[in-house]
Amino acid sequence: MRVWTIAAAVGALMAPPAQANETRVAPEGHIPPPAQVEALDWLVGQWHGSGIGEAAAYESWLPSSGGTMVGSFVQETPAGGIMFTEHMYIAEDAGSLVVRLKHFNPDLTGWEEKDEMVSFPLLAIDECAAYFSALTYHCDGADGLLVAVRVKGAGEAAEELVFRFTRIR
C-alpha cells in the first residue's frame, strides 16, 4: 500500500517522536467487542504535542453525531509547514467501533486511492483508553492524550510511533 511506503519514507527521514509498546495487533479471526462511540467522549477537543522529528502535531475530535466522531490530525514540518494531514472517523460498525482515516499531502492530494482508506478495528475499550488494531488512544494524566500507531513499510519491520498531546480546548 502506498500509505505505508510514504509513512516509512517519512519515518526514515525524521526521527520518530518516541518508541514504546503501546499498540496491540488483532489476531487472525478477531471479532471486535461491542462498543458505542459515546464511550470515547473523552477524546472530544483539541490537542497539541510533538510529532515526527519533534515537530508540532495537532489532533482534534468533534462530538459524536449519528454514531460517528470526526477528527483531524496535522503533522507539521520542523520549519512549521504542513507535512501531512489525516481526516479520521471513529464509527460504529456491526455493533463495535472502527477508526477509518485518509492521509493528505499539503496540496490535498491523497495518499490512499479514492475509494480506499486505512481501517483499525476495535480490540478493547476501557474507561479512558481505546485499543484498535495497530492504533491506541489513552488518557495520559488529567489533560494528556497518548496516541500510538504501528507503521510498516514494504519489506521493513513494524515501527511504533508514539505521540503525546496536551488538551488545548
N, C-alpha and C. Protein backbone atom coordinates (compact mmCIF):
# COMPACT_ATOMS: atom_id res chain seq x y z
N MET A 1 0.84 -1.19 0.00
CA MET A 1 0.00 0.00 0.00
C MET A 1 0.87 1.24 0.00
N ARG A 2 0.46 2.20 -0.74
CA ARG A 2 1.21 3.44 -0.88
C ARG A 2 1.38 4.16 0.46
N VAL A 3 0.36 4.14 1.31
CA VAL A 3 0.42 4.86 2.59
C VAL A 3 1.58 4.36 3.45
N TRP A 4 1.79 3.05 3.48
CA TRP A 4 2.86 2.53 4.32
C TRP A 4 4.22 2.87 3.74
N THR A 5 4.33 2.89 2.42
CA THR A 5 5.59 3.28 1.79
C THR A 5 5.92 4.72 2.14
N ILE A 6 4.95 5.60 2.03
CA ILE A 6 5.17 7.02 2.34
C ILE A 6 5.47 7.18 3.83
N ALA A 7 4.72 6.49 4.68
CA ALA A 7 4.96 6.59 6.12
C ALA A 7 6.36 6.10 6.47
N ALA A 8 6.80 5.04 5.82
CA ALA A 8 8.15 4.54 6.08
C ALA A 8 9.20 5.54 5.62
N ALA A 9 8.95 6.19 4.48
CA ALA A 9 9.89 7.20 3.99
C ALA A 9 9.97 8.38 4.94
N VAL A 10 8.83 8.83 5.44
CA VAL A 10 8.81 9.93 6.40
C VAL A 10 9.57 9.52 7.65
N GLY A 11 9.32 8.31 8.12
CA GLY A 11 9.99 7.83 9.32
C GLY A 11 11.49 7.69 9.14
N ALA A 12 11.91 7.31 7.94
CA ALA A 12 13.34 7.18 7.68
C ALA A 12 14.03 8.53 7.62
N LEU A 13 13.32 9.55 7.16
CA LEU A 13 13.91 10.88 7.04
C LEU A 13 13.98 11.62 8.36
N MET A 14 13.06 11.31 9.26
CA MET A 14 12.98 12.05 10.52
C MET A 14 12.86 11.08 11.68
N ALA A 15 13.42 11.45 12.80
CA ALA A 15 13.34 10.60 13.99
C ALA A 15 11.91 10.52 14.48
N PRO A 16 11.44 9.34 14.89
CA PRO A 16 10.09 9.23 15.44
C PRO A 16 10.00 9.93 16.79
N PRO A 17 8.78 10.34 17.21
CA PRO A 17 8.63 11.07 18.45
C PRO A 17 9.04 10.27 19.68
N ALA A 18 8.73 9.01 19.72
CA ALA A 18 9.09 8.16 20.85
C ALA A 18 8.78 6.72 20.45
N GLN A 19 9.34 5.77 21.17
CA GLN A 19 9.07 4.37 20.89
C GLN A 19 8.63 3.69 22.18
N ALA A 20 7.67 2.80 22.09
CA ALA A 20 7.17 2.09 23.26
C ALA A 20 6.41 0.87 22.78
N ASN A 21 5.73 0.20 23.69
CA ASN A 21 4.87 -0.92 23.34
C ASN A 21 3.44 -0.58 23.70
N GLU A 22 2.89 0.40 23.05
CA GLU A 22 1.55 0.88 23.34
C GLU A 22 0.48 0.24 22.46
N THR A 23 0.86 -0.23 21.28
CA THR A 23 -0.13 -0.76 20.34
C THR A 23 -0.29 -2.27 20.50
N ARG A 24 -1.45 -2.74 20.05
CA ARG A 24 -1.76 -4.16 20.01
C ARG A 24 -2.19 -4.47 18.58
N VAL A 25 -2.05 -5.71 18.18
CA VAL A 25 -2.44 -6.12 16.83
C VAL A 25 -3.47 -7.23 16.94
N ALA A 26 -4.54 -7.13 16.17
CA ALA A 26 -5.62 -8.12 16.22
C ALA A 26 -5.13 -9.47 15.71
N PRO A 27 -5.44 -10.53 16.44
CA PRO A 27 -5.12 -11.86 15.92
C PRO A 27 -6.05 -12.20 14.75
N GLU A 28 -5.64 -13.12 13.93
CA GLU A 28 -6.48 -13.53 12.81
C GLU A 28 -7.81 -14.05 13.33
N GLY A 29 -8.90 -13.65 12.69
CA GLY A 29 -10.23 -14.08 13.09
C GLY A 29 -10.82 -13.30 14.25
N HIS A 30 -10.16 -12.22 14.66
CA HIS A 30 -10.63 -11.40 15.79
C HIS A 30 -12.04 -10.86 15.52
N ILE A 31 -12.89 -10.96 16.52
CA ILE A 31 -14.23 -10.37 16.46
C ILE A 31 -14.24 -9.16 17.39
N PRO A 32 -14.43 -7.95 16.84
CA PRO A 32 -14.41 -6.74 17.68
C PRO A 32 -15.48 -6.78 18.76
N PRO A 33 -15.16 -6.28 19.96
CA PRO A 33 -16.13 -6.28 21.07
C PRO A 33 -17.22 -5.24 20.86
N PRO A 34 -18.35 -5.41 21.54
CA PRO A 34 -19.42 -4.41 21.45
C PRO A 34 -18.96 -3.07 22.02
N ALA A 35 -19.33 -1.99 21.36
CA ALA A 35 -18.99 -0.65 21.85
C ALA A 35 -19.79 0.38 21.09
N GLN A 36 -19.99 1.53 21.73
CA GLN A 36 -20.65 2.67 21.10
C GLN A 36 -19.70 3.85 21.15
N VAL A 37 -19.82 4.72 20.16
CA VAL A 37 -18.90 5.85 20.02
C VAL A 37 -18.93 6.79 21.22
N GLU A 38 -20.04 6.87 21.94
CA GLU A 38 -20.13 7.75 23.11
C GLU A 38 -19.12 7.37 24.19
N ALA A 39 -18.63 6.14 24.17
CA ALA A 39 -17.62 5.71 25.14
C ALA A 39 -16.30 6.46 24.95
N LEU A 40 -16.15 7.15 23.82
CA LEU A 40 -14.92 7.91 23.55
C LEU A 40 -15.13 9.41 23.63
N ASP A 41 -16.17 9.84 24.34
CA ASP A 41 -16.42 11.28 24.50
C ASP A 41 -15.23 12.02 25.11
N TRP A 42 -14.39 11.33 25.87
CA TRP A 42 -13.22 11.96 26.48
C TRP A 42 -12.20 12.44 25.44
N LEU A 43 -12.31 11.99 24.19
CA LEU A 43 -11.41 12.44 23.12
C LEU A 43 -11.79 13.81 22.56
N VAL A 44 -13.04 14.22 22.76
CA VAL A 44 -13.53 15.46 22.16
C VAL A 44 -12.68 16.65 22.61
N GLY A 45 -12.25 17.44 21.64
CA GLY A 45 -11.46 18.63 21.93
C GLY A 45 -10.28 18.77 21.00
N GLN A 46 -9.43 19.73 21.33
CA GLN A 46 -8.23 20.00 20.53
C GLN A 46 -7.00 19.65 21.36
N TRP A 47 -6.04 19.03 20.70
CA TRP A 47 -4.85 18.52 21.35
C TRP A 47 -3.60 19.00 20.61
N HIS A 48 -2.53 19.28 21.35
CA HIS A 48 -1.27 19.74 20.75
C HIS A 48 -0.12 18.97 21.38
N GLY A 49 0.88 18.63 20.57
CA GLY A 49 2.05 17.94 21.10
C GLY A 49 3.17 17.89 20.08
N SER A 50 4.17 17.08 20.38
CA SER A 50 5.28 16.89 19.46
C SER A 50 5.03 15.65 18.63
N GLY A 51 5.37 15.74 17.36
CA GLY A 51 5.15 14.62 16.45
C GLY A 51 6.44 14.14 15.84
N ILE A 52 6.39 13.78 14.59
CA ILE A 52 7.54 13.25 13.87
C ILE A 52 8.66 14.28 13.84
N GLY A 53 9.86 13.85 14.18
CA GLY A 53 11.00 14.75 14.21
C GLY A 53 10.88 15.84 15.25
N GLU A 54 10.07 15.61 16.27
CA GLU A 54 9.80 16.59 17.34
C GLU A 54 9.09 17.84 16.83
N ALA A 55 8.61 17.83 15.60
CA ALA A 55 7.84 18.96 15.07
C ALA A 55 6.44 18.94 15.69
N ALA A 56 5.78 20.09 15.68
CA ALA A 56 4.44 20.21 16.27
C ALA A 56 3.44 19.31 15.56
N ALA A 57 2.50 18.79 16.33
CA ALA A 57 1.40 17.98 15.80
C ALA A 57 0.13 18.38 16.54
N TYR A 58 -0.99 18.32 15.84
CA TYR A 58 -2.29 18.68 16.40
C TYR A 58 -3.29 17.59 16.07
N GLU A 59 -4.21 17.34 17.00
CA GLU A 59 -5.30 16.41 16.76
C GLU A 59 -6.56 17.03 17.34
N SER A 60 -7.66 16.94 16.61
CA SER A 60 -8.95 17.50 17.04
C SER A 60 -10.04 16.46 16.82
N TRP A 61 -10.98 16.39 17.78
CA TRP A 61 -12.13 15.49 17.67
C TRP A 61 -13.40 16.26 17.98
N LEU A 62 -14.42 16.09 17.13
CA LEU A 62 -15.74 16.68 17.34
C LEU A 62 -16.62 15.72 18.13
N PRO A 63 -17.66 16.23 18.81
CA PRO A 63 -18.61 15.34 19.48
C PRO A 63 -19.26 14.39 18.46
N SER A 64 -19.67 13.23 18.93
CA SER A 64 -20.27 12.24 18.03
C SER A 64 -21.58 12.74 17.45
N SER A 65 -21.84 12.29 16.25
CA SER A 65 -23.07 12.63 15.54
C SER A 65 -23.45 11.43 14.68
N GLY A 66 -24.64 10.88 14.92
CA GLY A 66 -25.09 9.76 14.12
C GLY A 66 -24.20 8.53 14.20
N GLY A 67 -23.60 8.29 15.36
CA GLY A 67 -22.77 7.11 15.54
C GLY A 67 -21.35 7.26 15.03
N THR A 68 -20.93 8.49 14.76
CA THR A 68 -19.57 8.74 14.24
C THR A 68 -18.96 9.96 14.90
N MET A 69 -17.68 9.86 15.26
CA MET A 69 -16.88 11.02 15.68
C MET A 69 -15.97 11.36 14.50
N VAL A 70 -15.84 12.64 14.21
CA VAL A 70 -14.98 13.10 13.12
C VAL A 70 -13.78 13.81 13.72
N GLY A 71 -12.60 13.48 13.22
CA GLY A 71 -11.38 14.09 13.72
C GLY A 71 -10.44 14.48 12.61
N SER A 72 -9.45 15.29 12.98
CA SER A 72 -8.39 15.66 12.04
C SER A 72 -7.06 15.65 12.77
N PHE A 73 -6.01 15.39 12.01
CA PHE A 73 -4.65 15.37 12.54
C PHE A 73 -3.78 16.18 11.59
N VAL A 74 -2.90 17.00 12.15
CA VAL A 74 -1.95 17.78 11.35
C VAL A 74 -0.55 17.52 11.88
N GLN A 75 0.33 17.07 11.00
CA GLN A 75 1.75 16.92 11.33
C GLN A 75 2.51 18.02 10.62
N GLU A 76 3.16 18.88 11.40
CA GLU A 76 3.93 19.96 10.81
C GLU A 76 5.34 19.50 10.48
N THR A 77 6.01 20.26 9.63
CA THR A 77 7.44 20.07 9.35
C THR A 77 8.22 20.77 10.45
N PRO A 78 9.51 20.49 10.59
CA PRO A 78 10.31 21.24 11.57
C PRO A 78 10.29 22.75 11.32
N ALA A 79 10.08 23.17 10.06
CA ALA A 79 10.05 24.60 9.73
C ALA A 79 8.67 25.22 9.98
N GLY A 80 7.69 24.43 10.38
CA GLY A 80 6.37 24.96 10.70
C GLY A 80 5.34 24.86 9.59
N GLY A 81 5.68 24.24 8.48
CA GLY A 81 4.71 24.00 7.41
C GLY A 81 3.97 22.70 7.65
N ILE A 82 3.04 22.38 6.78
CA ILE A 82 2.30 21.12 6.90
C ILE A 82 3.07 20.01 6.19
N MET A 83 3.36 18.93 6.92
CA MET A 83 3.97 17.75 6.32
C MET A 83 2.88 16.88 5.69
N PHE A 84 1.82 16.59 6.49
CA PHE A 84 0.66 15.86 6.00
C PHE A 84 -0.47 16.03 7.01
N THR A 85 -1.69 15.68 6.57
CA THR A 85 -2.85 15.72 7.45
C THR A 85 -3.60 14.39 7.33
N GLU A 86 -4.48 14.15 8.29
CA GLU A 86 -5.36 12.99 8.24
C GLU A 86 -6.79 13.45 8.53
N HIS A 87 -7.74 12.86 7.82
CA HIS A 87 -9.16 13.04 8.10
C HIS A 87 -9.62 11.71 8.67
N MET A 88 -10.19 11.72 9.88
CA MET A 88 -10.46 10.49 10.61
C MET A 88 -11.92 10.37 11.04
N TYR A 89 -12.40 9.14 11.06
CA TYR A 89 -13.71 8.81 11.62
C TYR A 89 -13.51 7.72 12.65
N ILE A 90 -14.18 7.84 13.79
CA ILE A 90 -14.39 6.69 14.67
C ILE A 90 -15.88 6.40 14.53
N ALA A 91 -16.18 5.25 13.94
CA ALA A 91 -17.56 4.95 13.56
C ALA A 91 -18.04 3.65 14.18
N GLU A 92 -19.33 3.63 14.49
CA GLU A 92 -19.96 2.38 14.91
C GLU A 92 -20.12 1.51 13.67
N ASP A 93 -19.74 0.24 13.82
CA ASP A 93 -19.77 -0.69 12.69
C ASP A 93 -20.05 -2.09 13.24
N ALA A 94 -21.17 -2.66 12.86
CA ALA A 94 -21.56 -4.02 13.27
C ALA A 94 -21.53 -4.17 14.79
N GLY A 95 -21.99 -3.14 15.52
CA GLY A 95 -22.07 -3.20 16.98
C GLY A 95 -20.78 -2.90 17.70
N SER A 96 -19.73 -2.58 16.97
CA SER A 96 -18.44 -2.24 17.58
C SER A 96 -17.97 -0.91 17.00
N LEU A 97 -16.67 -0.63 17.11
CA LEU A 97 -16.10 0.62 16.59
C LEU A 97 -14.95 0.32 15.65
N VAL A 98 -14.73 1.23 14.72
CA VAL A 98 -13.60 1.16 13.81
C VAL A 98 -13.11 2.58 13.54
N VAL A 99 -11.79 2.75 13.48
CA VAL A 99 -11.21 4.03 13.05
C VAL A 99 -10.93 3.89 11.56
N ARG A 100 -11.40 4.86 10.80
CA ARG A 100 -11.11 4.91 9.36
C ARG A 100 -10.47 6.26 9.08
N LEU A 101 -9.40 6.25 8.29
CA LEU A 101 -8.74 7.53 8.00
C LEU A 101 -8.13 7.55 6.61
N LYS A 102 -7.92 8.78 6.15
CA LYS A 102 -7.24 9.04 4.89
C LYS A 102 -6.17 10.09 5.14
N HIS A 103 -5.04 9.94 4.47
CA HIS A 103 -3.92 10.88 4.57
C HIS A 103 -3.91 11.82 3.38
N PHE A 104 -3.44 13.05 3.63
CA PHE A 104 -3.36 14.05 2.56
C PHE A 104 -2.04 14.80 2.64
N ASN A 105 -1.46 15.08 1.48
CA ASN A 105 -0.28 15.94 1.37
C ASN A 105 -0.71 17.39 1.58
N PRO A 106 0.25 18.31 1.73
CA PRO A 106 -0.10 19.73 1.91
C PRO A 106 -0.95 20.31 0.77
N ASP A 107 -0.85 19.74 -0.43
CA ASP A 107 -1.65 20.24 -1.56
C ASP A 107 -3.00 19.52 -1.69
N LEU A 108 -3.37 18.75 -0.67
CA LEU A 108 -4.62 17.98 -0.58
C LEU A 108 -4.69 16.78 -1.51
N THR A 109 -3.58 16.37 -2.12
CA THR A 109 -3.58 15.11 -2.85
C THR A 109 -3.54 13.99 -1.81
N GLY A 110 -4.31 12.93 -2.07
CA GLY A 110 -4.42 11.84 -1.12
C GLY A 110 -3.34 10.80 -1.26
N TRP A 111 -3.03 10.15 -0.15
CA TRP A 111 -2.09 9.04 -0.16
C TRP A 111 -2.79 7.77 -0.62
N GLU A 112 -4.03 7.57 -0.13
CA GLU A 112 -4.79 6.39 -0.50
C GLU A 112 -5.56 6.67 -1.79
N GLU A 113 -5.89 5.60 -2.50
CA GLU A 113 -6.73 5.75 -3.69
C GLU A 113 -8.09 6.29 -3.28
N LYS A 114 -8.83 6.82 -4.24
CA LYS A 114 -10.11 7.50 -3.98
C LYS A 114 -11.06 6.68 -3.09
N ASP A 115 -11.23 5.40 -3.38
CA ASP A 115 -12.18 4.57 -2.65
C ASP A 115 -11.53 3.75 -1.54
N GLU A 116 -10.28 4.03 -1.21
CA GLU A 116 -9.58 3.27 -0.17
C GLU A 116 -9.34 4.14 1.05
N MET A 117 -9.16 3.48 2.19
CA MET A 117 -8.83 4.15 3.44
C MET A 117 -8.10 3.15 4.32
N VAL A 118 -7.50 3.65 5.38
CA VAL A 118 -6.86 2.79 6.37
C VAL A 118 -7.88 2.55 7.48
N SER A 119 -8.06 1.29 7.88
CA SER A 119 -9.04 0.94 8.91
C SER A 119 -8.37 0.22 10.07
N PHE A 120 -8.83 0.55 11.28
CA PHE A 120 -8.31 -0.04 12.51
C PHE A 120 -9.50 -0.55 13.32
N PRO A 121 -9.80 -1.86 13.34
CA PRO A 121 -10.92 -2.38 14.13
C PRO A 121 -10.61 -2.35 15.63
N LEU A 122 -11.65 -2.21 16.43
CA LEU A 122 -11.51 -2.16 17.89
C LEU A 122 -11.07 -3.52 18.44
N LEU A 123 -10.13 -3.47 19.38
CA LEU A 123 -9.70 -4.67 20.11
C LEU A 123 -10.26 -4.69 21.52
N ALA A 124 -10.17 -3.53 22.21
CA ALA A 124 -10.64 -3.43 23.60
C ALA A 124 -10.88 -1.97 23.92
N ILE A 125 -11.76 -1.74 24.89
CA ILE A 125 -12.06 -0.38 25.31
C ILE A 125 -12.17 -0.35 26.82
N ASP A 126 -11.59 0.68 27.43
CA ASP A 126 -11.65 0.89 28.87
C ASP A 126 -12.22 2.28 29.13
N GLU A 127 -12.26 2.68 30.40
CA GLU A 127 -12.84 3.98 30.76
C GLU A 127 -12.16 5.14 30.04
N CYS A 128 -10.85 5.09 29.90
CA CYS A 128 -10.13 6.19 29.27
C CYS A 128 -9.06 5.67 28.32
N ALA A 129 -9.40 4.59 27.61
CA ALA A 129 -8.48 4.01 26.64
C ALA A 129 -9.26 3.24 25.59
N ALA A 130 -8.77 3.30 24.36
CA ALA A 130 -9.34 2.53 23.27
C ALA A 130 -8.19 1.91 22.49
N TYR A 131 -8.23 0.60 22.36
CA TYR A 131 -7.18 -0.14 21.67
C TYR A 131 -7.76 -0.69 20.37
N PHE A 132 -7.31 -0.13 19.28
CA PHE A 132 -7.68 -0.60 17.95
C PHE A 132 -6.48 -1.39 17.43
N SER A 133 -6.67 -2.23 16.43
CA SER A 133 -5.55 -2.99 15.90
C SER A 133 -4.52 -2.05 15.29
N ALA A 134 -3.35 -1.97 15.91
CA ALA A 134 -2.21 -1.13 15.48
C ALA A 134 -2.39 0.36 15.78
N LEU A 135 -3.39 0.72 16.59
CA LEU A 135 -3.63 2.13 16.94
C LEU A 135 -4.21 2.19 18.35
N THR A 136 -3.62 3.03 19.20
CA THR A 136 -4.06 3.17 20.59
C THR A 136 -4.30 4.63 20.92
N TYR A 137 -5.40 4.89 21.65
CA TYR A 137 -5.67 6.19 22.25
C TYR A 137 -5.86 5.95 23.74
N HIS A 138 -5.15 6.69 24.59
CA HIS A 138 -5.48 6.61 26.01
C HIS A 138 -5.10 7.89 26.73
N CYS A 139 -5.83 8.13 27.82
CA CYS A 139 -5.57 9.31 28.64
C CYS A 139 -4.17 9.21 29.21
N ASP A 140 -3.55 10.37 29.35
CA ASP A 140 -2.20 10.46 29.91
C ASP A 140 -2.22 11.59 30.93
N GLY A 141 -2.71 11.29 32.13
CA GLY A 141 -2.91 12.32 33.14
C GLY A 141 -4.22 13.04 32.92
N ALA A 142 -4.43 14.13 33.65
CA ALA A 142 -5.70 14.86 33.62
C ALA A 142 -6.00 15.50 32.27
N ASP A 143 -5.02 16.08 31.61
CA ASP A 143 -5.25 16.77 30.34
C ASP A 143 -4.32 16.28 29.25
N GLY A 144 -3.91 15.02 29.33
CA GLY A 144 -3.00 14.47 28.33
C GLY A 144 -3.63 13.36 27.53
N LEU A 145 -3.12 13.16 26.34
CA LEU A 145 -3.58 12.10 25.44
C LEU A 145 -2.36 11.45 24.82
N LEU A 146 -2.30 10.13 24.87
CA LEU A 146 -1.26 9.38 24.18
C LEU A 146 -1.90 8.69 22.99
N VAL A 147 -1.30 8.87 21.83
CA VAL A 147 -1.74 8.19 20.61
C VAL A 147 -0.53 7.42 20.09
N ALA A 148 -0.70 6.14 19.84
CA ALA A 148 0.38 5.32 19.30
C ALA A 148 -0.13 4.60 18.06
N VAL A 149 0.70 4.53 17.05
CA VAL A 149 0.33 3.85 15.81
C VAL A 149 1.51 3.01 15.33
N ARG A 150 1.19 1.83 14.86
CA ARG A 150 2.20 0.93 14.32
C ARG A 150 2.21 1.11 12.80
N VAL A 151 3.38 1.43 12.24
CA VAL A 151 3.53 1.62 10.80
C VAL A 151 4.57 0.63 10.28
N LYS A 152 4.42 0.27 9.00
CA LYS A 152 5.34 -0.68 8.41
C LYS A 152 5.46 -0.39 6.93
N GLY A 153 6.67 -0.19 6.48
CA GLY A 153 6.94 -0.02 5.06
C GLY A 153 7.10 -1.38 4.40
N ALA A 154 6.98 -1.42 3.09
CA ALA A 154 7.14 -2.67 2.35
C ALA A 154 8.52 -3.27 2.63
N GLY A 155 8.54 -4.50 3.11
CA GLY A 155 9.79 -5.20 3.38
C GLY A 155 10.53 -4.72 4.61
N GLU A 156 9.90 -3.89 5.43
CA GLU A 156 10.56 -3.36 6.63
C GLU A 156 9.86 -3.86 7.89
N ALA A 157 10.57 -3.79 8.99
CA ALA A 157 9.99 -4.18 10.28
C ALA A 157 8.98 -3.12 10.73
N ALA A 158 7.98 -3.55 11.47
CA ALA A 158 6.99 -2.61 12.01
C ALA A 158 7.66 -1.69 13.01
N GLU A 159 7.20 -0.45 13.02
CA GLU A 159 7.73 0.57 13.92
C GLU A 159 6.54 1.25 14.60
N GLU A 160 6.67 1.53 15.88
CA GLU A 160 5.60 2.19 16.62
C GLU A 160 5.96 3.65 16.85
N LEU A 161 5.06 4.53 16.44
CA LEU A 161 5.22 5.96 16.69
C LEU A 161 4.28 6.35 17.82
N VAL A 162 4.80 7.08 18.80
CA VAL A 162 4.00 7.49 19.96
C VAL A 162 3.97 9.01 20.01
N PHE A 163 2.76 9.55 20.09
CA PHE A 163 2.55 11.00 20.16
C PHE A 163 1.91 11.31 21.51
N ARG A 164 2.46 12.28 22.22
CA ARG A 164 1.89 12.72 23.50
C ARG A 164 1.35 14.13 23.32
N PHE A 165 0.06 14.27 23.59
CA PHE A 165 -0.63 15.54 23.40
C PHE A 165 -1.10 16.10 24.73
N THR A 166 -1.29 17.42 24.75
CA THR A 166 -1.91 18.12 25.86
C THR A 166 -3.17 18.80 25.34
N ARG A 167 -4.24 18.72 26.13
CA ARG A 167 -5.50 19.35 25.71
C ARG A 167 -5.33 20.87 25.69
N ILE A 168 -5.75 21.49 24.58
CA ILE A 168 -5.70 22.96 24.49
C ILE A 168 -7.10 23.55 24.49
N ARG A 169 -8.13 22.74 24.30
CA ARG A 169 -9.54 23.17 24.40
C ARG A 169 -10.42 22.00 24.70
